[in-house]
Amino acid sequence: MRGGTVVTVLSLCAGFLATTPAFAEAAPARANSKTRTTVFVHGWSRSANTNCESTWAPAKKALRSKGFTGRFVTFGYYGGGTRCDHEFAGTTDTRIQELGRRLAWFVDSQWTTYKQPVDVVAHSMGGLVTRAAIEGVNRYGGDGDWPARLYIEDVVTLGTPHAGANLGTACALTHEQCSDMRPKSGFLKWLEYNPRSQMSTEYTAIASDHDQWVARKSATNNYRADNWVTFGKSTTGAKMNHTAVRTTSTGTWCGVYQWEDMSASRKSCDGVSPLQRAALALYYHDNV
């Protein structure tokens, strides 16, 4: 019996080691960098035909002008999308959690598998897709449906309805993604506020007071993102709507901001544009 017990214990240990998720390996260290790959994730489109190149051209140009030399990759999730580096042929009825799963596998297969961290810049619903990717891996990673780990260092969201958006009853009835984005939806309850990948992801949420679709409280994740800023008017009186928060790279702006090392938010009228703020968030490994 004693010998049989030893064999049984050894067998159990061998089985445990064989099935233990590989995310026990050491994750890449966070670091200041302009050479990491940046993955761009677009937002919701009623017509499901996003052109990734035109959508992200202003952001790419702004980052290059700030010295970013890493690879830029666009992730699309509509069958009618065009000029996306990676495209999943989804529809507006494809649930956001499923889009997150697809994004998770894409990041894992291209970078995490090789222990290469990436950054993510996401607009509107794209921020929810990104959070869903990390949340899903944290909950279900290694079960076969989700990868075991993700190495996403920084996430910058632009006008993302983290706490939901009032998109109208008709939209919610005819498009499942609109249903997911309703305040207090089952999907939003499933999400953690700031899910961390296996290398301690840092979130920067950027909002506009003049976004016609997403309120600033929602766009800052109820002011719980690690770093957040809400843009008011520029010093010349310009305003930013839901699209402009993704494309604006110039100007001096008034707004309210709070970084993770601050005990309270501050107001300022000498702030940089959303895309310049995004560049700072992507570069620094700690605070912006």
C-alpha atoms as a PDB file:
ATOM      1  CA  MET A   1       0.000   0.000   0.000  1.00  0.00           C
ATOM      2  CA  ARG A   2       2.772   2.413   0.858  1.00  0.00           C
ATOM      3  CA  GLY A   3       4.442   1.927  -2.524  1.00  0.00           C
ATOM      4  CA  GLY A   4       1.111   2.319  -4.270  1.00  0.00           C
ATOM      5  CA  THR A   5       0.474   5.537  -2.372  1.00  0.00           C
ATOM      6  CA  VAL A   6       3.818   6.954  -3.512  1.00  0.00           C
ATOM      7  CA  VAL A   7       3.058   6.073  -7.113  1.00  0.00           C
ATOM      8  CA  THR A   8      -0.387   7.637  -6.841  1.00  0.00           C
ATOM      9  CA  VAL A   9       0.987  10.861  -5.355  1.00  0.00           C
ATOM     10  CA  LEU A  10       3.663  11.081  -8.025  1.00  0.00           C
ATOM     11  CA  SER A  11       1.053  10.515 -10.710  1.00  0.00           C
ATOM     12  CA  LEU A  12      -1.140  13.249  -9.289  1.00  0.00           C
ATOM     13  CA  CYS A  13       1.795  15.655  -9.118  1.00  0.00           C
ATOM     14  CA  ALA A  14       2.754  14.882 -12.697  1.00  0.00           C
ATOM     15  CA  GLY A  15      -0.816  15.484 -13.809  1.00  0.00           C
ATOM     16  CA  PHE A  16      -0.982  18.768 -11.911  1.00  0.00           C
ATOM     17  CA  LEU A  17       2.248  20.011 -13.450  1.00  0.00           C
ATOM     18  CA  ALA A  18       1.076  19.024 -16.901  1.00  0.00           C
ATOM     19  CA  THR A  19      -2.170  20.961 -16.544  1.00  0.00           C
ATOM     20  CA  THR A  20      -0.978  23.998 -14.593  1.00  0.00           C
ATOM     21  CA  PRO A  21      -1.413  27.133 -16.781  1.00  0.00           C
ATOM     22  CA  ALA A  22       1.803  28.461 -18.234  1.00  0.00           C
ATOM     23  CA  PHE A  23       1.130  31.989 -16.951  1.00  0.00           C
ATOM     24  CA  ALA A  24       3.268  31.126 -13.922  1.00  0.00           C
ATOM     25  CA  GLU A  25       6.230  32.165 -16.056  1.00  0.00           C
ATOM     26  CA  ALA A  26       7.746  35.551 -15.363  1.00  0.00           C
ATOM     27  CA  ALA A  27       6.059  38.350 -17.296  1.00  0.00           C
ATOM     28  CA  PRO A  28       8.058  40.985 -19.168  1.00  0.00           C
ATOM     29  CA  ALA A  29       9.001  43.972 -17.007  1.00  0.00           C
ATOM     30  CA  ARG A  30       7.180  47.255 -17.522  1.00  0.00           C
ATOM     31  CA  ALA A  31       9.427  49.907 -19.058  1.00  0.00           C
ATOM     32  CA  ASN A  32       9.392  53.298 -20.745  1.00  0.00           C
ATOM     33  CA  SER A  33       9.355  52.574 -24.467  1.00  0.00           C
ATOM     34  CA  LYS A  34       8.503  53.970 -27.882  1.00  0.00           C
ATOM     35  CA  THR A  35       9.422  50.744 -29.657  1.00  0.00           C
ATOM     36  CA  ARG A  36       6.623  48.418 -28.503  1.00  0.00           C
ATOM     37  CA  THR A  37       3.910  47.337 -30.891  1.00  0.00           C
ATOM     38  CA  THR A  38       0.710  49.370 -30.567  1.00  0.00           C
ATOM     39  CA  VAL A  39      -2.581  47.663 -31.389  1.00  0.00           C
ATOM     40  CA  PHE A  40      -5.445  49.965 -32.421  1.00  0.00           C
ATOM     41  CA  VAL A  41      -9.023  48.806 -31.788  1.00  0.00           C
ATOM     42  CA  HIS A  42     -11.849  50.782 -33.418  1.00  0.00           C
ATOM     43  CA  GLY A  43     -15.311  51.498 -32.071  1.00  0.00           C
ATOM     44  CA  TRP A  44     -18.878  50.548 -32.919  1.00  0.00           C
ATOM     45  CA  SER A  45     -20.193  51.067 -36.442  1.00  0.00           C
ATOM     46  CA  ARG A  46     -23.890  50.815 -37.277  1.00  0.00           C
ATOM     47  CA  SER A  47     -22.998  49.878 -40.856  1.00  0.00           C
ATOM     48  CA  ALA A  48     -20.260  47.466 -39.702  1.00  0.00           C
ATOM     49  CA  ASN A  49     -17.814  48.700 -42.334  1.00  0.00           C
ATOM     50  CA  THR A  50     -15.000  50.484 -40.484  1.00  0.00           C
ATOM     51  CA  ASN A  51     -11.992  51.534 -42.550  1.00  0.00           C
ATOM     52  CA  CYS A  52      -9.162  50.969 -40.089  1.00  0.00           C
ATOM     53  CA  GLU A  53      -6.616  52.962 -42.065  1.00  0.00           C
ATOM     54  CA  SER A  54      -8.615  56.202 -42.219  1.00  0.00           C
ATOM     55  CA  THR A  55      -9.932  55.709 -38.683  1.00  0.00           C
ATOM     56  CA  TRP A  56      -6.472  55.520 -37.159  1.00  0.00           C
ATOM     57  CA  ALA A  57      -4.412  57.678 -39.540  1.00  0.00           C
ATOM     58  CA  PRO A  58      -4.469  60.754 -37.223  1.00  0.00           C
ATOM     59  CA  ALA A  59      -3.375  58.721 -34.187  1.00  0.00           C
ATOM     60  CA  LYS A  60      -0.592  56.978 -36.087  1.00  0.00           C
ATOM     61  CA  LYS A  61       0.680  60.288 -37.419  1.00  0.00           C
ATOM     62  CA  ALA A  62       0.594  61.858 -33.953  1.00  0.00           C
ATOM     63  CA  LEU A  63       2.534  58.989 -32.382  1.00  0.00           C
ATOM     64  CA  ARG A  64       5.140  58.930 -35.140  1.00  0.00           C
ATOM     65  CA  SER A  65       5.646  62.668 -34.669  1.00  0.00           C
ATOM     66  CA  LYS A  66       6.422  61.948 -31.010  1.00  0.00           C
ATOM     67  CA  GLY A  67       9.144  59.462 -31.905  1.00  0.00           C
ATOM     68  CA  PHE A  68       7.271  56.166 -31.713  1.00  0.00           C
ATOM     69  CA  THR A  69       9.038  53.631 -33.917  1.00  0.00           C
ATOM     70  CA  GLY A  70       7.249  50.415 -32.953  1.00  0.00           C
ATOM     71  CA  ARG A  71       4.908  48.524 -35.227  1.00  0.00           C
ATOM     72  CA  PHE A  72       1.340  49.832 -35.579  1.00  0.00           C
ATOM     73  CA  VAL A  73      -1.317  47.141 -36.038  1.00  0.00           C
ATOM     74  CA  THR A  74      -5.068  47.634 -36.510  1.00  0.00           C
ATOM     75  CA  PHE A  75      -7.589  45.086 -35.251  1.00  0.00           C
ATOM     76  CA  GLY A  76     -10.995  45.039 -36.934  1.00  0.00           C
ATOM     77  CA  TYR A  77     -14.066  42.995 -36.053  1.00  0.00           C
ATOM     78  CA  TYR A  78     -16.640  43.602 -38.794  1.00  0.00           C
ATOM     79  CA  GLY A  79     -17.049  41.545 -41.947  1.00  0.00           C
ATOM     80  CA  GLY A  80     -17.577  44.732 -43.940  1.00  0.00           C
ATOM     81  CA  GLY A  81     -14.444  46.387 -42.575  1.00  0.00           C
ATOM     82  CA  THR A  82     -11.602  47.433 -44.836  1.00  0.00           C
ATOM     83  CA  ARG A  83      -7.861  48.058 -44.591  1.00  0.00           C
ATOM     84  CA  CYS A  84      -7.507  46.416 -41.187  1.00  0.00           C
ATOM     85  CA  ASP A  85      -4.330  44.462 -40.483  1.00  0.00           C
ATOM     86  CA  HIS A  86      -6.344  41.751 -38.762  1.00  0.00           C
ATOM     87  CA  GLU A  87     -10.054  41.353 -39.395  1.00  0.00           C
ATOM     88  CA  PHE A  88     -12.620  39.159 -37.668  1.00  0.00           C
ATOM     89  CA  ALA A  89     -15.779  38.912 -39.758  1.00  0.00           C
ATOM     90  CA  GLY A  90     -18.242  39.819 -37.038  1.00  0.00           C
ATOM     91  CA  THR A  91     -21.469  41.838 -37.129  1.00  0.00           C
ATOM     92  CA  THR A  92     -23.135  44.339 -34.819  1.00  0.00           C
ATOM     93  CA  ASP A  93     -24.789  41.315 -33.197  1.00  0.00           C
ATOM     94  CA  THR A  94     -21.471  39.698 -32.249  1.00  0.00           C
ATOM     95  CA  ARG A  95     -21.234  40.047 -28.484  1.00  0.00           C
ATOM     96  CA  ILE A  96     -18.462  42.232 -27.110  1.00  0.00           C
ATOM     97  CA  GLN A  97     -17.197  39.377 -24.946  1.00  0.00           C
ATOM     98  CA  GLU A  98     -16.670  37.293 -28.086  1.00  0.00           C
ATOM     99  CA  LEU A  99     -14.828  40.177 -29.742  1.00  0.00           C
ATOM    100  CA  GLY A 100     -12.628  40.336 -26.660  1.00  0.00           C
ATOM    101  CA  ARG A 101     -11.906  36.628 -26.964  1.00  0.00           C
ATOM    102  CA  ARG A 102     -10.872  37.088 -30.586  1.00  0.00           C
ATOM    103  CA  LEU A 103      -8.632  40.005 -29.661  1.00  0.00           C
ATOM    104  CA  ALA A 104      -7.084  37.982 -26.840  1.00  0.00           C
ATOM    105  CA  TRP A 105      -6.149  35.149 -29.186  1.00  0.00           C
ATOM    106  CA  PHE A 106      -4.745  37.606 -31.720  1.00  0.00           C
ATOM    107  CA  VAL A 107      -2.506  39.298 -29.163  1.00  0.00           C
ATOM    108  CA  ASP A 108      -1.464  35.965 -27.698  1.00  0.00           C
ATOM    109  CA  SER A 109      -0.575  34.359 -31.024  1.00  0.00           C
ATOM    110  CA  GLN A 110       1.386  37.326 -32.347  1.00  0.00           C
ATOM    111  CA  TRP A 111       3.134  38.686 -29.235  1.00  0.00           C
ATOM    112  CA  THR A 112       2.393  37.138 -25.847  1.00  0.00           C
ATOM    113  CA  THR A 113       3.540  33.702 -27.003  1.00  0.00           C
ATOM    114  CA  TYR A 114       6.932  35.277 -27.708  1.00  0.00           C
ATOM    115  CA  LYS A 115       6.950  37.199 -24.400  1.00  0.00           C
ATOM    116  CA  GLN A 116       6.574  40.487 -26.250  1.00  0.00           C
ATOM    117  CA  PRO A 117       4.365  43.121 -24.568  1.00  0.00           C
ATOM    118  CA  VAL A 118       2.053  45.380 -26.548  1.00  0.00           C
ATOM    119  CA  ASP A 119       0.149  48.590 -25.913  1.00  0.00           C
ATOM    120  CA  VAL A 120      -3.447  49.206 -26.980  1.00  0.00           C
ATOM    121  CA  VAL A 121      -5.181  52.385 -28.127  1.00  0.00           C
ATOM    122  CA  ALA A 122      -8.940  51.951 -28.375  1.00  0.00           C
ATOM    123  CA  HIS A 123     -11.816  54.206 -29.368  1.00  0.00           C
ATOM    124  CA  SER A 124     -15.370  53.958 -28.090  1.00  0.00           C
ATOM    125  CA  MET A 125     -16.544  50.323 -27.917  1.00  0.00           C
ATOM    126  CA  GLY A 126     -12.997  49.227 -28.731  1.00  0.00           C
ATOM    127  CA  GLY A 127     -12.067  49.978 -25.134  1.00  0.00           C
ATOM    128  CA  LEU A 128     -14.706  47.510 -23.945  1.00  0.00           C
ATOM    129  CA  VAL A 129     -13.401  44.914 -26.395  1.00  0.00           C
ATOM    130  CA  THR A 130      -9.932  45.400 -24.911  1.00  0.00           C
ATOM    131  CA  ARG A 131     -11.114  45.122 -21.316  1.00  0.00           C
ATOM    132  CA  ALA A 132     -13.110  42.019 -22.267  1.00  0.00           C
ATOM    133  CA  ALA A 133      -9.980  40.418 -23.718  1.00  0.00           C
ATOM    134  CA  ILE A 134      -8.092  40.859 -20.450  1.00  0.00           C
ATOM    135  CA  GLU A 135     -11.068  40.020 -18.233  1.00  0.00           C
ATOM    136  CA  GLY A 136     -11.785  36.829 -20.157  1.00  0.00           C
ATOM    137  CA  VAL A 137      -8.194  35.627 -19.878  1.00  0.00           C
ATOM    138  CA  ASN A 138      -8.187  36.375 -16.154  1.00  0.00           C
ATOM    139  CA  ARG A 139     -11.412  34.430 -15.610  1.00  0.00           C
ATOM    140  CA  TYR A 140     -11.101  31.572 -18.084  1.00  0.00           C
ATOM    141  CA  GLY A 141      -7.483  31.613 -19.275  1.00  0.00           C
ATOM    142  CA  GLY A 142      -6.059  28.255 -20.265  1.00  0.00           C
ATOM    143  CA  ASP A 143      -9.433  26.489 -20.598  1.00  0.00           C
ATOM    144  CA  GLY A 144      -9.019  25.998 -24.333  1.00  0.00           C
ATOM    145  CA  ASP A 145     -11.408  28.774 -25.323  1.00  0.00           C
ATOM    146  CA  TRP A 146      -9.168  31.556 -24.018  1.00  0.00           C
ATOM    147  CA  PRO A 147      -5.369  31.910 -24.012  1.00  0.00           C
ATOM    148  CA  ALA A 148      -3.589  31.354 -20.714  1.00  0.00           C
ATOM    149  CA  ARG A 149      -2.056  34.807 -20.465  1.00  0.00           C
ATOM    150  CA  LEU A 150      -1.776  38.244 -22.083  1.00  0.00           C
ATOM    151  CA  TYR A 151       1.046  40.760 -21.958  1.00  0.00           C
ATOM    152  CA  ILE A 152      -0.628  44.131 -22.470  1.00  0.00           C
ATOM    153  CA  GLU A 153       1.318  46.920 -20.794  1.00  0.00           C
ATOM    154  CA  ASP A 154      -0.698  50.091 -21.384  1.00  0.00           C
ATOM    155  CA  VAL A 155      -4.262  50.694 -22.529  1.00  0.00           C
ATOM    156  CA  VAL A 156      -5.466  54.122 -23.641  1.00  0.00           C
ATOM    157  CA  THR A 157      -9.203  54.501 -24.216  1.00  0.00           C
ATOM    158  CA  LEU A 158     -10.726  57.407 -26.127  1.00  0.00           C
ATOM    159  CA  GLY A 159     -14.405  58.066 -25.488  1.00  0.00           C
ATOM    160  CA  THR A 160     -15.100  54.509 -24.310  1.00  0.00           C
ATOM    161  CA  PRO A 161     -18.472  53.901 -22.590  1.00  0.00           C
ATOM    162  CA  HIS A 162     -16.897  52.021 -19.687  1.00  0.00           C
ATOM    163  CA  ALA A 163     -20.049  52.446 -17.604  1.00  0.00           C
ATOM    164  CA  GLY A 164     -22.395  52.292 -20.572  1.00  0.00           C
ATOM    165  CA  ALA A 165     -24.018  54.719 -22.977  1.00  0.00           C
ATOM    166  CA  ASN A 166     -27.631  55.609 -23.627  1.00  0.00           C
ATOM    167  CA  LEU A 167     -27.719  54.649 -27.299  1.00  0.00           C
ATOM    168  CA  GLY A 168     -31.482  54.386 -27.523  1.00  0.00           C
ATOM    169  CA  THR A 169     -33.970  51.543 -27.183  1.00  0.00           C
ATOM    170  CA  ALA A 170     -34.138  50.886 -30.924  1.00  0.00           C
ATOM    171  CA  CYS A 171     -30.387  50.370 -31.132  1.00  0.00           C
ATOM    172  CA  ALA A 172     -30.399  47.982 -28.168  1.00  0.00           C
ATOM    173  CA  LEU A 173     -33.254  45.976 -29.683  1.00  0.00           C
ATOM    174  CA  THR A 174     -31.681  45.617 -33.112  1.00  0.00           C
ATOM    175  CA  HIS A 175     -27.965  45.363 -32.289  1.00  0.00           C
ATOM    176  CA  GLU A 176     -26.608  43.094 -29.551  1.00  0.00           C
ATOM    177  CA  GLN A 177     -23.526  45.287 -29.136  1.00  0.00           C
ATOM    178  CA  CYS A 178     -25.776  48.223 -28.225  1.00  0.00           C
ATOM    179  CA  SER A 179     -27.465  45.981 -25.682  1.00  0.00           C
ATOM    180  CA  ASP A 180     -24.079  45.146 -24.165  1.00  0.00           C
ATOM    181  CA  MET A 181     -23.280  48.856 -23.890  1.00  0.00           C
ATOM    182  CA  ARG A 182     -26.416  49.767 -21.953  1.00  0.00           C
ATOM    183  CA  PRO A 183     -25.697  50.980 -18.410  1.00  0.00           C
ATOM    184  CA  LYS A 184     -25.777  48.083 -15.924  1.00  0.00           C
ATOM    185  CA  SER A 185     -25.965  45.480 -18.696  1.00  0.00           C
ATOM    186  CA  GLY A 186     -24.969  41.924 -17.883  1.00  0.00           C
ATOM    187  CA  PHE A 187     -21.803  42.391 -19.898  1.00  0.00           C
ATOM    188  CA  LEU A 188     -20.737  45.519 -18.007  1.00  0.00           C
ATOM    189  CA  LYS A 189     -21.436  43.798 -14.691  1.00  0.00           C
ATOM    190  CA  TRP A 190     -19.155  40.962 -15.818  1.00  0.00           C
ATOM    191  CA  LEU A 191     -16.239  43.335 -16.420  1.00  0.00           C
ATOM    192  CA  GLU A 192     -13.838  44.352 -13.681  1.00  0.00           C
ATOM    193  CA  TYR A 193     -13.148  48.102 -13.518  1.00  0.00           C
ATOM    194  CA  ASN A 194      -9.500  47.834 -14.552  1.00  0.00           C
ATOM    195  CA  PRO A 195      -8.686  44.200 -15.363  1.00  0.00           C
ATOM    196  CA  ARG A 196      -4.940  43.616 -15.330  1.00  0.00           C
ATOM    197  CA  SER A 197      -3.142  41.412 -17.788  1.00  0.00           C
ATOM    198  CA  GLN A 198      -0.315  39.212 -16.560  1.00  0.00           C
ATOM    199  CA  MET A 199       2.046  42.207 -16.654  1.00  0.00           C
ATOM    200  CA  SER A 200      -0.045  44.648 -14.600  1.00  0.00           C
ATOM    201  CA  THR A 201      -1.785  46.717 -17.266  1.00  0.00           C
ATOM    202  CA  GLU A 202      -2.153  50.460 -16.664  1.00  0.00           C
ATOM    203  CA  TYR A 203      -5.236  52.286 -17.952  1.00  0.00           C
ATOM    204  CA  THR A 204      -5.529  55.872 -19.146  1.00  0.00           C
ATOM    205  CA  ALA A 205      -9.078  56.991 -19.961  1.00  0.00           C
ATOM    206  CA  ILE A 206      -9.639  60.085 -22.087  1.00  0.00           C
ATOM    207  CA  ALA A 207     -13.027  61.803 -22.233  1.00  0.00           C
ATOM    208  CA  SER A 208     -14.608  64.935 -23.671  1.00  0.00           C
ATOM    209  CA  ASP A 209     -17.244  67.107 -22.035  1.00  0.00           C
ATOM    210  CA  HIS A 210     -18.735  67.575 -25.506  1.00  0.00           C
ATOM    211  CA  ASP A 211     -18.947  63.920 -26.529  1.00  0.00           C
ATOM    212  CA  GLN A 212     -22.513  63.524 -27.776  1.00  0.00           C
ATOM    213  CA  TRP A 213     -22.619  59.768 -27.085  1.00  0.00           C
ATOM    214  CA  VAL A 214     -20.528  59.009 -24.015  1.00  0.00           C
ATOM    215  CA  ALA A 215     -20.717  61.023 -20.790  1.00  0.00           C
ATOM    216  CA  ARG A 216     -17.413  61.884 -19.162  1.00  0.00           C
ATOM    217  CA  LYS A 217     -18.228  59.850 -16.047  1.00  0.00           C
ATOM    218  CA  SER A 218     -18.655  56.760 -18.190  1.00  0.00           C
ATOM    219  CA  ALA A 219     -15.625  57.529 -20.370  1.00  0.00           C
ATOM    220  CA  THR A 220     -13.413  57.753 -17.261  1.00  0.00           C
ATOM    221  CA  ASN A 221     -14.849  54.493 -15.879  1.00  0.00           C
ATOM    222  CA  ASN A 222     -16.604  56.392 -13.094  1.00  0.00           C
ATOM    223  CA  TYR A 223     -13.292  58.200 -12.496  1.00  0.00           C
ATOM    224  CA  ARG A 224     -11.687  54.875 -11.535  1.00  0.00           C
ATOM    225  CA  ALA A 225      -9.205  54.479 -14.381  1.00  0.00           C
ATOM    226  CA  ASP A 226      -5.588  54.595 -13.186  1.00  0.00           C
ATOM    227  CA  ASN A 227      -5.187  57.895 -15.017  1.00  0.00           C
ATOM    228  CA  TRP A 228      -7.974  59.945 -16.538  1.00  0.00           C
ATOM    229  CA  VAL A 229      -8.581  63.299 -18.163  1.00  0.00           C
ATOM    230  CA  THR A 230     -11.764  65.038 -19.278  1.00  0.00           C
ATOM    231  CA  PHE A 231     -11.362  67.666 -21.975  1.00  0.00           C
ATOM    232  CA  GLY A 232     -13.442  70.814 -22.028  1.00  0.00           C
ATOM    233  CA  LYS A 233     -12.865  73.549 -24.599  1.00  0.00           C
ATOM    234  CA  SER A 234      -9.548  74.560 -26.088  1.00  0.00           C
ATOM    235  CA  THR A 235      -8.119  77.984 -25.323  1.00  0.00           C
ATOM    236  CA  THR A 236      -9.527  79.076 -28.700  1.00  0.00           C
ATOM    237  CA  GLY A 237     -13.016  77.768 -27.872  1.00  0.00           C
ATOM    238  CA  ALA A 238     -12.890  74.528 -29.873  1.00  0.00           C
ATOM    239  CA  LYS A 239     -14.875  71.504 -28.683  1.00  0.00           C
ATOM    240  CA  MET A 240     -14.412  67.777 -29.253  1.00  0.00           C
ATOM    241  CA  ASN A 241     -17.246  65.424 -30.140  1.00  0.00           C
ATOM    242  CA  HIS A 242     -17.119  61.626 -30.032  1.00  0.00           C
ATOM    243  CA  THR A 243     -15.053  61.385 -33.211  1.00  0.00           C
ATOM    244  CA  ALA A 244     -12.746  64.314 -32.487  1.00  0.00           C
ATOM    245  CA  VAL A 245     -11.533  62.772 -29.230  1.00  0.00           C
ATOM    246  CA  ARG A 246      -9.945  60.120 -31.483  1.00  0.00           C
ATOM    247  CA  THR A 247      -8.469  62.502 -34.060  1.00  0.00           C
ATOM    248  CA  THR A 248      -7.367  65.670 -32.242  1.00  0.00           C
ATOM    249  CA  SER A 249      -3.604  66.077 -31.975  1.00  0.00           C
ATOM    250  CA  THR A 250      -3.118  69.829 -31.594  1.00  0.00           C
ATOM    251  CA  GLY A 251      -4.238  72.733 -29.440  1.00  0.00           C
ATOM    252  CA  THR A 252      -4.054  73.785 -25.812  1.00  0.00           C
ATOM    253  CA  TRP A 253      -6.972  72.488 -23.788  1.00  0.00           C
ATOM    254  CA  CYS A 254      -8.836  73.120 -20.566  1.00  0.00           C
ATOM    255  CA  GLY A 255      -9.833  70.085 -18.568  1.00  0.00           C
ATOM    256  CA  VAL A 256      -9.765  68.078 -15.375  1.00  0.00           C
ATOM    257  CA  TYR A 257      -7.291  65.274 -14.771  1.00  0.00           C
ATOM    258  CA  GLN A 258      -6.058  62.845 -12.163  1.00  0.00           C
ATOM    259  CA  TRP A 259      -3.066  60.498 -12.305  1.00  0.00           C
ATOM    260  CA  GLU A 260      -2.708  57.469 -10.062  1.00  0.00           C
ATOM    261  CA  ASP A 261      -0.185  59.145  -7.749  1.00  0.00           C
ATOM    262  CA  MET A 262      -2.491  62.128  -7.084  1.00  0.00           C
ATOM    263  CA  SER A 263      -4.851  62.266  -4.112  1.00  0.00           C
ATOM    264  CA  ALA A 264      -7.317  64.559  -5.893  1.00  0.00           C
ATOM    265  CA  SER A 265      -8.137  65.769  -9.391  1.00  0.00           C
ATOM    266  CA  ARG A 266      -6.924  69.093 -10.746  1.00  0.00           C
ATOM    267  CA  LYS A 267      -8.144  71.628 -13.274  1.00  0.00           C
ATOM    268  CA  SER A 268      -5.920  73.134 -15.934  1.00  0.00           C
ATOM    269  CA  CYS A 269      -6.129  75.235 -19.088  1.00  0.00           C
ATOM    270  CA  ASP A 270      -2.680  74.409 -20.426  1.00  0.00           C
ATOM    271  CA  GLY A 271      -3.222  70.756 -21.317  1.00  0.00           C
ATOM    272  CA  VAL A 272      -2.059  68.950 -24.432  1.00  0.00           C
ATOM    273  CA  SER A 273      -4.426  67.318 -26.942  1.00  0.00           C
ATOM    274  CA  PRO A 274      -5.925  63.829 -26.505  1.00  0.00           C
ATOM    275  CA  LEU A 275      -3.477  62.175 -28.893  1.00  0.00           C
ATOM    276  CA  GLN A 276      -0.499  63.875 -27.272  1.00  0.00           C
ATOM    277  CA  ARG A 277      -1.795  62.697 -23.910  1.00  0.00           C
ATOM    278  CA  ALA A 278      -2.125  59.197 -25.351  1.00  0.00           C
ATOM    279  CA  ALA A 279       1.518  59.320 -26.454  1.00  0.00           C
ATOM    280  CA  LEU A 280       2.621  60.150 -22.918  1.00  0.00           C
ATOM    281  CA  ALA A 281       0.520  57.333 -21.480  1.00  0.00           C
ATOM    282  CA  LEU A 282       1.970  54.794 -23.898  1.00  0.00           C
ATOM    283  CA  TYR A 283       5.551  55.851 -23.255  1.00  0.00           C
ATOM    284  CA  TYR A 284       5.749  55.990 -19.473  1.00  0.00           C
ATOM    285  CA  HIS A 285       5.623  52.708 -17.581  1.00  0.00           C
ATOM    286  CA  ASP A 286       4.338  54.446 -14.443  1.00  0.00           C
ATOM    287  CA  ASN A 287       1.991  57.460 -14.454  1.00  0.00           C
ATOM    288  CA  VAL A 288       1.684  59.848 -17.389  1.00  0.00           C
END
